[in-house]
Amino acid sequence: MSVTGEVAAADPLAPALTTDGTLVGTIALDPRTRRRMRLNGRLRPTERGFVVTADQVFANCPKYLQKRESYEVVPDRTGDEARHGSELTPSQEEFITASDTFFLATVHPGGADASHRGGNPGFVHVASPRELGWRDYPGNSMFLSLGNLDADPRAGLLFLDWTSGTTLQLTGEARTEFTGAERRVRFTVTQAVERPSAIPLRWSAPEYSPANPDPAG
């Protein structure tokens, strides 16, 4: 896989994307068709971006993917500074609670993985400025993310505001908890990075997946 372009110097990913041999996990997701594919491998920087040599490639089912039909591209706003913190602000807590999608990064001794989590707004619960959690809905039964977290609790979360392009990147540790047949993941925040208008794409309002459970259930 070849990617053209670069991230801003202040982006937490910037150092990794210029280091040969970095283990990376990627996910390609198209909200218009509710399709997604994961590709994990090793990175090699190029003059125009980077290349990922694949170790794993596989598609996932469309469960819990919200459909968004249209988008526009707006000018970059590179002047907006990232906001760093060690815990969530009240506005960031509201941002997370209103989200219907986030992305989960995990690691294991031989590589990294990126996956998607989705549901109706409210499916992610913020317990405190340093802790949030979500119910792990039944998926493709591969348990890659949960298996990685069992071996190494380090994780990263990415929340996206689809209308403004603002991103919220969280670093911390995640652990799976079991209550009867239900699985829940508890995430402890160690660092939060909010980047206003970081993404130039603007998407329409979502059509929620029919597979989404009631977050209050």
N, C-alpha and C. Protein backbone atom coordinates (compact mmCIF):
# COMPACT_ATOMS: atom_id res chain seq x y z
N MET A 1 0.84 -1.18 0.00
CA MET A 1 0.00 0.00 0.00
C MET A 1 0.88 1.24 0.00
N SER A 2 0.58 2.18 -0.90
CA SER A 2 1.35 3.41 -1.00
C SER A 2 0.48 4.59 -0.62
N VAL A 3 0.99 5.47 0.22
CA VAL A 3 0.26 6.66 0.66
C VAL A 3 1.07 7.89 0.28
N THR A 4 0.42 8.84 -0.39
CA THR A 4 1.06 10.08 -0.79
C THR A 4 0.61 11.20 0.14
N GLY A 5 1.54 11.98 0.62
CA GLY A 5 1.22 13.09 1.51
C GLY A 5 1.96 12.95 2.82
N GLU A 6 1.76 13.93 3.69
CA GLU A 6 2.42 13.92 4.98
C GLU A 6 1.51 14.50 6.04
N VAL A 7 1.80 14.18 7.27
CA VAL A 7 1.02 14.74 8.37
C VAL A 7 1.74 15.95 8.93
N ALA A 8 1.01 16.77 9.66
CA ALA A 8 1.61 17.97 10.26
C ALA A 8 2.68 17.56 11.26
N ALA A 9 3.68 18.40 11.41
CA ALA A 9 4.79 18.09 12.31
C ALA A 9 4.32 17.87 13.74
N ALA A 10 3.22 18.54 14.13
CA ALA A 10 2.72 18.41 15.50
C ALA A 10 1.89 17.15 15.71
N ASP A 11 1.57 16.45 14.64
CA ASP A 11 0.76 15.24 14.78
C ASP A 11 1.56 14.17 15.50
N PRO A 12 0.95 13.45 16.47
CA PRO A 12 1.69 12.40 17.20
C PRO A 12 2.23 11.30 16.30
N LEU A 13 1.65 11.13 15.11
CA LEU A 13 2.11 10.08 14.20
C LEU A 13 3.36 10.47 13.41
N ALA A 14 3.68 11.74 13.36
CA ALA A 14 4.74 12.22 12.47
C ALA A 14 6.06 11.46 12.63
N PRO A 15 6.59 11.25 13.84
CA PRO A 15 7.88 10.55 13.95
C PRO A 15 7.82 9.11 13.42
N ALA A 16 6.70 8.42 13.68
CA ALA A 16 6.59 7.02 13.25
C ALA A 16 6.55 6.89 11.74
N LEU A 17 5.94 7.87 11.06
CA LEU A 17 5.78 7.78 9.61
C LEU A 17 7.05 8.13 8.84
N THR A 18 8.10 8.52 9.54
CA THR A 18 9.38 8.79 8.88
C THR A 18 10.46 7.81 9.34
N THR A 19 10.05 6.75 10.02
CA THR A 19 11.00 5.76 10.53
C THR A 19 10.85 4.44 9.77
N ASP A 20 11.92 4.02 9.12
CA ASP A 20 11.89 2.78 8.34
C ASP A 20 11.66 1.58 9.26
N GLY A 21 10.75 0.70 8.84
CA GLY A 21 10.49 -0.52 9.60
C GLY A 21 9.45 -0.40 10.69
N THR A 22 8.84 0.78 10.84
CA THR A 22 7.79 0.94 11.85
C THR A 22 6.67 -0.06 11.61
N LEU A 23 6.26 -0.76 12.66
CA LEU A 23 5.13 -1.68 12.55
C LEU A 23 3.84 -0.87 12.60
N VAL A 24 2.97 -1.03 11.60
CA VAL A 24 1.77 -0.21 11.52
C VAL A 24 0.54 -1.09 11.31
N GLY A 25 -0.57 -0.61 11.84
CA GLY A 25 -1.87 -1.20 11.56
C GLY A 25 -2.73 -0.14 10.90
N THR A 26 -3.39 -0.47 9.81
CA THR A 26 -4.21 0.50 9.10
C THR A 26 -5.60 -0.07 8.86
N ILE A 27 -6.55 0.83 8.69
CA ILE A 27 -7.91 0.43 8.30
C ILE A 27 -8.40 1.40 7.24
N ALA A 28 -8.92 0.86 6.14
CA ALA A 28 -9.52 1.66 5.07
C ALA A 28 -11.02 1.51 5.20
N LEU A 29 -11.72 2.63 5.39
CA LEU A 29 -13.16 2.59 5.64
C LEU A 29 -13.86 3.57 4.71
N ASP A 30 -14.88 3.10 4.00
CA ASP A 30 -15.67 3.95 3.10
C ASP A 30 -17.08 4.08 3.67
N PRO A 31 -17.41 5.22 4.29
CA PRO A 31 -18.74 5.37 4.87
C PRO A 31 -19.86 5.33 3.84
N ARG A 32 -19.56 5.64 2.58
CA ARG A 32 -20.61 5.66 1.56
C ARG A 32 -21.12 4.26 1.25
N THR A 33 -20.25 3.27 1.34
CA THR A 33 -20.63 1.90 1.02
C THR A 33 -20.65 0.98 2.24
N ARG A 34 -20.25 1.52 3.41
CA ARG A 34 -20.16 0.74 4.65
C ARG A 34 -19.24 -0.47 4.45
N ARG A 35 -18.11 -0.22 3.81
CA ARG A 35 -17.11 -1.27 3.61
C ARG A 35 -15.83 -0.88 4.34
N ARG A 36 -15.10 -1.89 4.81
CA ARG A 36 -13.83 -1.64 5.49
C ARG A 36 -12.86 -2.79 5.26
N MET A 37 -11.59 -2.46 5.26
CA MET A 37 -10.53 -3.46 5.10
C MET A 37 -9.35 -3.06 5.98
N ARG A 38 -8.74 -4.05 6.60
CA ARG A 38 -7.59 -3.80 7.46
C ARG A 38 -6.33 -4.34 6.80
N LEU A 39 -5.25 -3.57 6.89
CA LEU A 39 -3.95 -3.95 6.35
C LEU A 39 -2.89 -3.62 7.39
N ASN A 40 -2.16 -4.63 7.81
CA ASN A 40 -1.11 -4.46 8.81
C ASN A 40 0.23 -4.87 8.21
N GLY A 41 1.28 -4.14 8.55
CA GLY A 41 2.58 -4.49 7.99
C GLY A 41 3.68 -3.57 8.50
N ARG A 42 4.68 -3.34 7.64
CA ARG A 42 5.86 -2.56 8.01
C ARG A 42 6.01 -1.37 7.08
N LEU A 43 6.36 -0.24 7.65
CA LEU A 43 6.39 1.02 6.91
C LEU A 43 7.79 1.31 6.37
N ARG A 44 7.81 1.91 5.17
CA ARG A 44 9.04 2.43 4.59
C ARG A 44 8.77 3.83 4.06
N PRO A 45 9.46 4.85 4.57
CA PRO A 45 9.24 6.22 4.08
C PRO A 45 9.66 6.35 2.61
N THR A 46 8.96 7.20 1.87
CA THR A 46 9.31 7.53 0.49
C THR A 46 9.38 9.04 0.36
N GLU A 47 9.80 9.53 -0.80
CA GLU A 47 9.92 10.97 -1.00
C GLU A 47 8.57 11.67 -0.93
N ARG A 48 7.50 10.94 -1.29
CA ARG A 48 6.18 11.57 -1.35
C ARG A 48 5.25 11.11 -0.22
N GLY A 49 5.73 10.25 0.66
CA GLY A 49 4.86 9.74 1.72
C GLY A 49 5.46 8.50 2.34
N PHE A 50 4.75 7.37 2.20
CA PHE A 50 5.28 6.12 2.72
C PHE A 50 4.60 4.94 2.06
N VAL A 51 5.24 3.77 2.19
CA VAL A 51 4.71 2.51 1.66
C VAL A 51 4.61 1.54 2.83
N VAL A 52 3.54 0.75 2.84
CA VAL A 52 3.38 -0.30 3.84
C VAL A 52 3.44 -1.66 3.15
N THR A 53 4.41 -2.47 3.53
CA THR A 53 4.50 -3.84 3.03
C THR A 53 3.62 -4.71 3.91
N ALA A 54 2.65 -5.39 3.30
CA ALA A 54 1.61 -6.07 4.06
C ALA A 54 2.09 -7.37 4.69
N ASP A 55 1.72 -7.57 5.95
CA ASP A 55 1.84 -8.85 6.63
C ASP A 55 0.48 -9.52 6.76
N GLN A 56 -0.57 -8.70 6.91
CA GLN A 56 -1.94 -9.19 7.03
C GLN A 56 -2.87 -8.28 6.24
N VAL A 57 -3.82 -8.86 5.51
CA VAL A 57 -4.85 -8.10 4.82
C VAL A 57 -6.16 -8.86 4.95
N PHE A 58 -7.20 -8.21 5.43
CA PHE A 58 -8.49 -8.90 5.53
C PHE A 58 -9.62 -7.87 5.62
N ALA A 59 -10.77 -8.26 5.08
CA ALA A 59 -11.96 -7.42 5.13
C ALA A 59 -12.80 -7.79 6.35
N ASN A 60 -13.60 -6.82 6.81
CA ASN A 60 -14.53 -7.06 7.91
C ASN A 60 -15.95 -6.82 7.44
N CYS A 61 -16.92 -7.36 8.18
CA CYS A 61 -18.32 -7.17 7.85
C CYS A 61 -18.72 -5.72 8.12
N PRO A 62 -19.88 -5.27 7.58
CA PRO A 62 -20.28 -3.88 7.73
C PRO A 62 -21.00 -3.57 9.04
N LYS A 63 -21.00 -4.49 9.99
CA LYS A 63 -21.69 -4.26 11.26
C LYS A 63 -21.20 -2.99 11.94
N TYR A 64 -22.14 -2.22 12.47
CA TYR A 64 -21.87 -1.05 13.30
C TYR A 64 -21.19 0.09 12.54
N LEU A 65 -21.22 0.03 11.20
CA LEU A 65 -20.69 1.13 10.39
C LEU A 65 -21.84 2.07 10.03
N GLN A 66 -21.68 3.35 10.30
CA GLN A 66 -22.71 4.33 9.95
C GLN A 66 -22.49 4.79 8.51
N LYS A 67 -23.58 4.89 7.77
CA LYS A 67 -23.47 5.29 6.36
C LYS A 67 -23.56 6.80 6.24
N ARG A 68 -22.60 7.36 5.53
CA ARG A 68 -22.59 8.79 5.25
C ARG A 68 -22.44 8.95 3.74
N GLU A 69 -23.37 9.65 3.14
CA GLU A 69 -23.49 9.63 1.69
C GLU A 69 -22.59 10.62 0.95
N SER A 70 -22.41 11.82 1.50
CA SER A 70 -21.73 12.84 0.71
C SER A 70 -20.72 13.61 1.55
N TYR A 71 -19.81 14.27 0.88
CA TYR A 71 -18.81 15.06 1.57
C TYR A 71 -18.33 16.21 0.68
N GLU A 72 -17.64 17.12 1.31
CA GLU A 72 -16.97 18.18 0.58
C GLU A 72 -15.57 18.34 1.14
N VAL A 73 -14.72 19.00 0.40
CA VAL A 73 -13.35 19.25 0.83
C VAL A 73 -13.20 20.74 1.09
N VAL A 74 -12.71 21.10 2.26
CA VAL A 74 -12.52 22.50 2.61
C VAL A 74 -11.03 22.79 2.72
N PRO A 75 -10.63 24.04 2.65
CA PRO A 75 -9.20 24.37 2.75
C PRO A 75 -8.61 23.93 4.08
N ASP A 76 -7.34 23.55 4.03
CA ASP A 76 -6.64 23.18 5.27
C ASP A 76 -6.55 24.38 6.20
N ARG A 77 -6.58 24.08 7.52
CA ARG A 77 -6.41 25.13 8.53
C ARG A 77 -5.22 24.75 9.41
N THR A 78 -4.05 24.79 8.81
CA THR A 78 -2.85 24.33 9.50
C THR A 78 -2.45 25.24 10.65
N GLY A 79 -3.08 26.44 10.73
CA GLY A 79 -2.71 27.35 11.80
C GLY A 79 -3.33 27.00 13.15
N ASP A 80 -4.33 26.14 13.14
CA ASP A 80 -4.98 25.76 14.40
C ASP A 80 -4.06 24.85 15.21
N GLU A 81 -3.75 25.25 16.42
CA GLU A 81 -2.82 24.49 17.24
C GLU A 81 -3.50 23.32 17.93
N ALA A 82 -2.75 22.23 18.11
CA ALA A 82 -3.25 21.07 18.84
C ALA A 82 -3.34 21.41 20.32
N ARG A 83 -4.34 20.83 20.98
CA ARG A 83 -4.53 21.04 22.41
C ARG A 83 -4.16 19.75 23.13
N HIS A 84 -3.17 19.83 24.00
CA HIS A 84 -2.66 18.66 24.71
C HIS A 84 -3.14 18.67 26.16
N GLY A 85 -3.39 17.47 26.69
CA GLY A 85 -3.77 17.37 28.08
C GLY A 85 -3.59 15.95 28.58
N SER A 86 -3.65 15.80 29.90
CA SER A 86 -3.51 14.47 30.51
C SER A 86 -4.86 13.91 30.94
N GLU A 87 -5.93 14.67 30.71
CA GLU A 87 -7.27 14.19 30.99
C GLU A 87 -8.24 14.93 30.09
N LEU A 88 -9.49 14.47 30.05
CA LEU A 88 -10.49 15.03 29.16
C LEU A 88 -11.07 16.32 29.73
N THR A 89 -11.29 17.29 28.85
CA THR A 89 -12.00 18.49 29.22
C THR A 89 -13.51 18.21 29.14
N PRO A 90 -14.35 19.06 29.74
CA PRO A 90 -15.80 18.85 29.62
C PRO A 90 -16.28 18.80 28.17
N SER A 91 -15.74 19.65 27.30
CA SER A 91 -16.16 19.64 25.90
C SER A 91 -15.72 18.35 25.20
N GLN A 92 -14.56 17.82 25.56
CA GLN A 92 -14.11 16.56 24.99
C GLN A 92 -14.97 15.39 25.48
N GLU A 93 -15.40 15.45 26.72
CA GLU A 93 -16.32 14.42 27.22
C GLU A 93 -17.62 14.42 26.42
N GLU A 94 -18.14 15.62 26.11
CA GLU A 94 -19.35 15.73 25.30
C GLU A 94 -19.11 15.21 23.88
N PHE A 95 -17.95 15.53 23.34
CA PHE A 95 -17.55 15.07 22.01
C PHE A 95 -17.61 13.54 21.95
N ILE A 96 -17.03 12.88 22.93
CA ILE A 96 -16.99 11.42 22.96
C ILE A 96 -18.38 10.83 23.12
N THR A 97 -19.16 11.38 24.04
CA THR A 97 -20.51 10.86 24.30
C THR A 97 -21.41 10.98 23.08
N ALA A 98 -21.20 12.01 22.27
CA ALA A 98 -22.02 12.23 21.07
C ALA A 98 -21.54 11.42 19.87
N SER A 99 -20.39 10.75 19.99
CA SER A 99 -19.79 10.04 18.85
C SER A 99 -20.53 8.75 18.53
N ASP A 100 -20.56 8.42 17.23
CA ASP A 100 -21.11 7.13 16.79
C ASP A 100 -20.03 6.22 16.24
N THR A 101 -18.78 6.69 16.23
CA THR A 101 -17.67 5.94 15.65
C THR A 101 -16.37 6.33 16.33
N PHE A 102 -15.50 5.35 16.56
CA PHE A 102 -14.12 5.67 16.89
C PHE A 102 -13.23 4.56 16.38
N PHE A 103 -11.92 4.80 16.36
CA PHE A 103 -10.96 3.84 15.88
C PHE A 103 -10.03 3.44 17.02
N LEU A 104 -9.71 2.16 17.06
CA LEU A 104 -8.95 1.59 18.17
C LEU A 104 -7.63 1.01 17.65
N ALA A 105 -6.52 1.46 18.21
CA ALA A 105 -5.19 0.94 17.85
C ALA A 105 -4.67 0.08 18.99
N THR A 106 -4.16 -1.11 18.65
CA THR A 106 -3.57 -2.01 19.63
C THR A 106 -2.26 -2.56 19.08
N VAL A 107 -1.47 -3.17 19.95
CA VAL A 107 -0.17 -3.71 19.54
C VAL A 107 0.01 -5.13 20.09
N HIS A 108 0.93 -5.84 19.46
CA HIS A 108 1.35 -7.15 19.94
C HIS A 108 2.82 -7.30 19.59
N PRO A 109 3.51 -8.32 20.08
CA PRO A 109 4.96 -8.42 19.85
C PRO A 109 5.38 -8.39 18.39
N GLY A 110 4.49 -8.86 17.49
CA GLY A 110 4.88 -8.92 16.09
C GLY A 110 4.30 -7.84 15.21
N GLY A 111 3.60 -6.87 15.80
CA GLY A 111 3.03 -5.84 14.94
C GLY A 111 2.00 -4.99 15.63
N ALA A 112 1.15 -4.35 14.81
CA ALA A 112 0.12 -3.44 15.30
C ALA A 112 -1.16 -3.70 14.53
N ASP A 113 -2.27 -3.18 15.07
CA ASP A 113 -3.57 -3.39 14.44
C ASP A 113 -4.44 -2.17 14.67
N ALA A 114 -5.27 -1.84 13.68
CA ALA A 114 -6.23 -0.75 13.80
C ALA A 114 -7.61 -1.29 13.48
N SER A 115 -8.59 -0.98 14.31
CA SER A 115 -9.94 -1.47 14.09
C SER A 115 -10.95 -0.37 14.33
N HIS A 116 -12.20 -0.66 14.05
CA HIS A 116 -13.29 0.30 14.13
C HIS A 116 -14.27 -0.14 15.21
N ARG A 117 -14.83 0.82 15.91
CA ARG A 117 -15.92 0.55 16.84
C ARG A 117 -17.03 1.56 16.54
N GLY A 118 -18.26 1.08 16.47
CA GLY A 118 -19.36 1.96 16.16
C GLY A 118 -20.62 1.59 16.91
N GLY A 119 -21.54 2.53 16.99
CA GLY A 119 -22.81 2.32 17.65
C GLY A 119 -23.59 3.62 17.65
N ASN A 120 -24.79 3.59 18.19
CA ASN A 120 -25.55 4.82 18.32
C ASN A 120 -24.89 5.74 19.34
N PRO A 121 -25.05 7.06 19.20
CA PRO A 121 -24.47 7.97 20.19
C PRO A 121 -24.82 7.55 21.61
N GLY A 122 -23.81 7.59 22.47
CA GLY A 122 -23.98 7.12 23.83
C GLY A 122 -23.39 5.75 24.06
N PHE A 123 -22.93 5.09 22.97
CA PHE A 123 -22.37 3.75 23.15
C PHE A 123 -21.02 3.79 23.86
N VAL A 124 -20.36 4.95 23.87
CA VAL A 124 -19.16 5.15 24.66
C VAL A 124 -19.55 5.97 25.89
N HIS A 125 -19.24 5.46 27.05
CA HIS A 125 -19.60 6.11 28.32
C HIS A 125 -18.36 6.71 28.96
N VAL A 126 -18.42 7.99 29.30
CA VAL A 126 -17.32 8.66 29.99
C VAL A 126 -17.61 8.62 31.49
N ALA A 127 -16.76 7.90 32.22
CA ALA A 127 -16.95 7.75 33.66
C ALA A 127 -16.31 8.88 34.45
N SER A 128 -15.23 9.45 33.93
CA SER A 128 -14.51 10.53 34.59
C SER A 128 -13.56 11.16 33.57
N PRO A 129 -12.90 12.26 33.90
CA PRO A 129 -11.94 12.86 32.96
C PRO A 129 -10.78 11.94 32.59
N ARG A 130 -10.57 10.87 33.36
CA ARG A 130 -9.46 9.96 33.07
C ARG A 130 -9.93 8.57 32.63
N GLU A 131 -11.25 8.35 32.53
CA GLU A 131 -11.70 6.99 32.23
C GLU A 131 -12.97 6.99 31.38
N LEU A 132 -13.00 6.10 30.41
CA LEU A 132 -14.19 5.89 29.59
C LEU A 132 -14.29 4.40 29.28
N GLY A 133 -15.42 3.99 28.73
CA GLY A 133 -15.59 2.57 28.43
C GLY A 133 -16.69 2.36 27.41
N TRP A 134 -16.73 1.15 26.88
CA TRP A 134 -17.76 0.79 25.91
C TRP A 134 -18.02 -0.71 25.99
N ARG A 135 -19.23 -1.08 25.60
CA ARG A 135 -19.58 -2.49 25.50
C ARG A 135 -19.01 -3.05 24.21
N ASP A 136 -18.37 -4.21 24.28
CA ASP A 136 -17.79 -4.81 23.08
C ASP A 136 -18.86 -5.65 22.39
N TYR A 137 -19.42 -5.08 21.30
CA TYR A 137 -20.49 -5.77 20.58
C TYR A 137 -19.95 -6.98 19.82
N PRO A 138 -20.76 -8.02 19.62
CA PRO A 138 -20.32 -9.18 18.83
C PRO A 138 -19.94 -8.75 17.42
N GLY A 139 -18.79 -9.23 16.94
CA GLY A 139 -18.31 -8.83 15.63
C GLY A 139 -17.94 -10.01 14.76
N ASN A 140 -16.71 -9.99 14.25
CA ASN A 140 -16.28 -11.04 13.31
C ASN A 140 -15.67 -12.24 14.01
N SER A 141 -15.65 -12.22 15.35
CA SER A 141 -15.16 -13.34 16.16
C SER A 141 -13.69 -13.66 15.94
N MET A 142 -12.91 -12.68 15.47
CA MET A 142 -11.47 -12.88 15.33
C MET A 142 -10.74 -12.46 16.61
N PHE A 143 -11.33 -11.53 17.38
CA PHE A 143 -10.80 -11.09 18.67
C PHE A 143 -9.35 -10.58 18.58
N LEU A 144 -9.03 -9.92 17.47
CA LEU A 144 -7.67 -9.41 17.32
C LEU A 144 -7.39 -8.30 18.34
N SER A 145 -8.29 -7.34 18.43
CA SER A 145 -8.07 -6.23 19.37
C SER A 145 -8.07 -6.71 20.81
N LEU A 146 -9.06 -7.51 21.17
CA LEU A 146 -9.14 -7.99 22.55
C LEU A 146 -7.97 -8.90 22.88
N GLY A 147 -7.54 -9.69 21.92
CA GLY A 147 -6.37 -10.55 22.14
C GLY A 147 -5.11 -9.74 22.35
N ASN A 148 -4.96 -8.67 21.55
CA ASN A 148 -3.80 -7.80 21.73
C ASN A 148 -3.82 -7.14 23.10
N LEU A 149 -5.00 -6.66 23.52
CA LEU A 149 -5.10 -5.98 24.81
C LEU A 149 -4.83 -6.93 25.97
N ASP A 150 -5.15 -8.19 25.80
CA ASP A 150 -4.86 -9.16 26.86
C ASP A 150 -3.36 -9.33 27.04
N ALA A 151 -2.61 -9.20 25.93
CA ALA A 151 -1.15 -9.35 26.01
C ALA A 151 -0.44 -8.04 26.32
N ASP A 152 -1.03 -6.91 25.88
CA ASP A 152 -0.41 -5.60 26.05
C ASP A 152 -1.53 -4.57 26.15
N PRO A 153 -1.76 -3.97 27.31
CA PRO A 153 -2.91 -3.06 27.47
C PRO A 153 -2.76 -1.69 26.80
N ARG A 154 -1.59 -1.38 26.26
CA ARG A 154 -1.42 -0.09 25.62
C ARG A 154 -2.37 0.04 24.42
N ALA A 155 -3.00 1.21 24.30
CA ALA A 155 -3.97 1.40 23.22
C ALA A 155 -4.07 2.87 22.86
N GLY A 156 -4.60 3.12 21.67
CA GLY A 156 -4.87 4.48 21.23
C GLY A 156 -6.28 4.54 20.65
N LEU A 157 -6.99 5.63 20.92
CA LEU A 157 -8.33 5.84 20.39
C LEU A 157 -8.34 7.11 19.55
N LEU A 158 -9.08 7.08 18.45
CA LEU A 158 -9.25 8.26 17.60
C LEU A 158 -10.73 8.52 17.42
N PHE A 159 -11.19 9.68 17.88
CA PHE A 159 -12.55 10.14 17.66
C PHE A 159 -12.53 11.24 16.61
N LEU A 160 -13.56 11.27 15.77
CA LEU A 160 -13.61 12.21 14.65
C LEU A 160 -14.95 12.93 14.64
N ASP A 161 -14.90 14.26 14.51
CA ASP A 161 -16.11 15.04 14.27
C ASP A 161 -16.27 15.13 12.76
N TRP A 162 -17.27 14.42 12.23
CA TRP A 162 -17.43 14.30 10.78
C TRP A 162 -17.87 15.60 10.12
N THR A 163 -18.38 16.55 10.90
CA THR A 163 -18.87 17.80 10.31
C THR A 163 -17.84 18.93 10.37
N SER A 164 -16.91 18.88 11.33
CA SER A 164 -15.91 19.94 11.45
C SER A 164 -14.50 19.48 11.12
N GLY A 165 -14.27 18.16 11.07
CA GLY A 165 -12.93 17.64 10.82
C GLY A 165 -12.04 17.62 12.04
N THR A 166 -12.56 18.00 13.20
CA THR A 166 -11.77 17.96 14.42
C THR A 166 -11.52 16.52 14.85
N THR A 167 -10.30 16.24 15.33
CA THR A 167 -9.97 14.91 15.80
C THR A 167 -9.56 14.96 17.27
N LEU A 168 -9.83 13.86 17.97
CA LEU A 168 -9.41 13.70 19.35
C LEU A 168 -8.68 12.37 19.47
N GLN A 169 -7.38 12.43 19.75
CA GLN A 169 -6.54 11.25 19.87
C GLN A 169 -6.24 11.00 21.34
N LEU A 170 -6.55 9.80 21.81
CA LEU A 170 -6.33 9.44 23.21
C LEU A 170 -5.32 8.31 23.30
N THR A 171 -4.37 8.45 24.20
CA THR A 171 -3.39 7.41 24.49
C THR A 171 -3.63 6.93 25.91
N GLY A 172 -3.48 5.61 26.12
CA GLY A 172 -3.68 5.09 27.47
C GLY A 172 -3.62 3.58 27.50
N GLU A 173 -4.35 2.99 28.44
CA GLU A 173 -4.39 1.54 28.59
C GLU A 173 -5.84 1.09 28.63
N ALA A 174 -6.10 -0.08 28.04
CA ALA A 174 -7.45 -0.62 27.98
C ALA A 174 -7.46 -2.06 28.49
N ARG A 175 -8.52 -2.40 29.20
CA ARG A 175 -8.66 -3.75 29.74
C ARG A 175 -10.09 -4.23 29.54
N THR A 176 -10.23 -5.50 29.22
CA THR A 176 -11.54 -6.10 29.00
C THR A 176 -12.08 -6.65 30.31
N GLU A 177 -13.35 -6.34 30.58
CA GLU A 177 -14.01 -6.83 31.78
C GLU A 177 -15.23 -7.65 31.36
N PHE A 178 -15.52 -8.72 32.09
CA PHE A 178 -16.62 -9.61 31.75
C PHE A 178 -17.66 -9.58 32.86
N THR A 179 -18.93 -9.40 32.45
CA THR A 179 -20.06 -9.49 33.36
C THR A 179 -21.05 -10.46 32.75
N GLY A 180 -21.03 -11.69 33.21
CA GLY A 180 -21.83 -12.72 32.57
C GLY A 180 -21.37 -12.92 31.14
N ALA A 181 -22.30 -12.81 30.18
CA ALA A 181 -21.94 -12.99 28.77
C ALA A 181 -21.52 -11.68 28.12
N GLU A 182 -21.59 -10.57 28.86
CA GLU A 182 -21.28 -9.26 28.29
C GLU A 182 -19.82 -8.90 28.49
N ARG A 183 -19.21 -8.35 27.45
CA ARG A 183 -17.84 -7.85 27.51
C ARG A 183 -17.87 -6.33 27.47
N ARG A 184 -17.07 -5.73 28.33
CA ARG A 184 -16.89 -4.28 28.30
C ARG A 184 -15.39 -3.98 28.33
N VAL A 185 -15.03 -2.88 27.69
CA VAL A 185 -13.63 -2.45 27.68
C VAL A 185 -13.54 -1.14 28.45
N ARG A 186 -12.62 -1.09 29.40
CA ARG A 186 -12.39 0.11 30.20
C ARG A 186 -11.07 0.72 29.77
N PHE A 187 -11.09 2.01 29.44
CA PHE A 187 -9.90 2.71 28.93
C PHE A 187 -9.52 3.82 29.88
N THR A 188 -8.25 3.84 30.28
CA THR A 188 -7.72 4.88 31.15
C THR A 188 -6.86 5.84 30.34
N VAL A 189 -7.17 7.11 30.39
CA VAL A 189 -6.49 8.13 29.58
C VAL A 189 -5.19 8.56 30.24
N THR A 190 -4.12 8.58 29.45
CA THR A 190 -2.86 9.17 29.93
C THR A 190 -2.51 10.44 29.15
N GLN A 191 -3.01 10.54 27.90
CA GLN A 191 -2.75 11.74 27.10
C GLN A 191 -3.91 11.95 26.13
N ALA A 192 -4.29 13.23 25.95
CA ALA A 192 -5.32 13.60 24.98
C ALA A 192 -4.78 14.69 24.07
N VAL A 193 -4.98 14.52 22.77
CA VAL A 193 -4.55 15.52 21.79
C VAL A 193 -5.75 15.84 20.91
N GLU A 194 -6.22 17.09 20.98
CA GLU A 194 -7.33 17.54 20.15
C GLU A 194 -6.80 18.46 19.07
N ARG A 195 -7.16 18.16 17.83
CA ARG A 195 -6.69 18.96 16.69
C ARG A 195 -7.90 19.53 15.94
N PRO A 196 -8.18 20.82 16.09
CA PRO A 196 -9.32 21.42 15.40
C PRO A 196 -9.14 21.38 13.88
N SER A 197 -10.19 20.99 13.17
CA SER A 197 -10.21 20.99 11.70
C SER A 197 -9.00 20.27 11.12
N ALA A 198 -8.61 19.16 11.73
CA ALA A 198 -7.42 18.44 11.28
C ALA A 198 -7.65 17.74 9.94
N ILE A 199 -8.89 17.40 9.63
CA ILE A 199 -9.21 16.66 8.40
C ILE A 199 -10.05 17.56 7.50
N PRO A 200 -9.70 17.70 6.22
CA PRO A 200 -10.44 18.62 5.34
C PRO A 200 -11.76 18.07 4.82
N LEU A 201 -12.07 16.79 5.05
CA LEU A 201 -13.31 16.21 4.55
C LEU A 201 -14.48 16.55 5.46
N ARG A 202 -15.65 16.83 4.86
CA ARG A 202 -16.87 17.09 5.60
C ARG A 202 -17.95 16.12 5.11
N TRP A 203 -18.54 15.37 6.04
CA TRP A 203 -19.51 14.34 5.68
C TRP A 203 -20.91 14.74 6.09
N SER A 204 -21.90 14.13 5.44
CA SER A 204 -23.30 14.39 5.76
C SER A 204 -23.70 13.67 7.03
N ALA A 205 -24.92 13.92 7.50
CA ALA A 205 -25.43 13.26 8.70
C ALA A 205 -25.49 11.75 8.47
N PRO A 206 -25.30 10.96 9.54
CA PRO A 206 -25.21 9.51 9.37
C PRO A 206 -26.56 8.83 9.25
N GLU A 207 -26.53 7.70 8.56
CA GLU A 207 -27.62 6.72 8.61
C GLU A 207 -27.10 5.58 9.48
N TYR A 208 -27.65 5.46 10.68
CA TYR A 208 -27.09 4.51 11.64
C TYR A 208 -27.28 3.08 11.18
N SER A 209 -26.30 2.25 11.49
CA SER A 209 -26.36 0.84 11.12
C SER A 209 -27.54 0.16 11.81
N PRO A 210 -28.28 -0.69 11.08
CA PRO A 210 -29.40 -1.42 11.71
C PRO A 210 -28.91 -2.43 12.74
N ALA A 211 -27.61 -2.72 12.75
CA ALA A 211 -27.05 -3.68 13.72
C ALA A 211 -26.75 -3.03 15.07
N ASN A 212 -26.78 -1.69 15.14
CA ASN A 212 -26.42 -1.01 16.38
C ASN A 212 -27.39 -1.37 17.51
N PRO A 213 -26.89 -1.88 18.62
CA PRO A 213 -27.78 -2.10 19.77
C PRO A 213 -28.17 -0.79 20.43
N ASP A 214 -29.20 -0.85 21.25
CA ASP A 214 -29.60 0.31 22.05
C ASP A 214 -28.53 0.52 23.11
N PRO A 215 -27.85 1.69 23.13
CA PRO A 215 -26.78 1.89 24.11
C PRO A 215 -27.27 1.85 25.55
N ALA A 216 -28.58 2.04 25.76
CA ALA A 216 -29.12 2.00 27.11
C ALA A 216 -29.48 0.58 27.54
N GLY A 217 -29.38 -0.37 26.58
CA GLY A 217 -29.78 -1.75 26.89
C GLY A 217 -28.73 -2.54 27.60
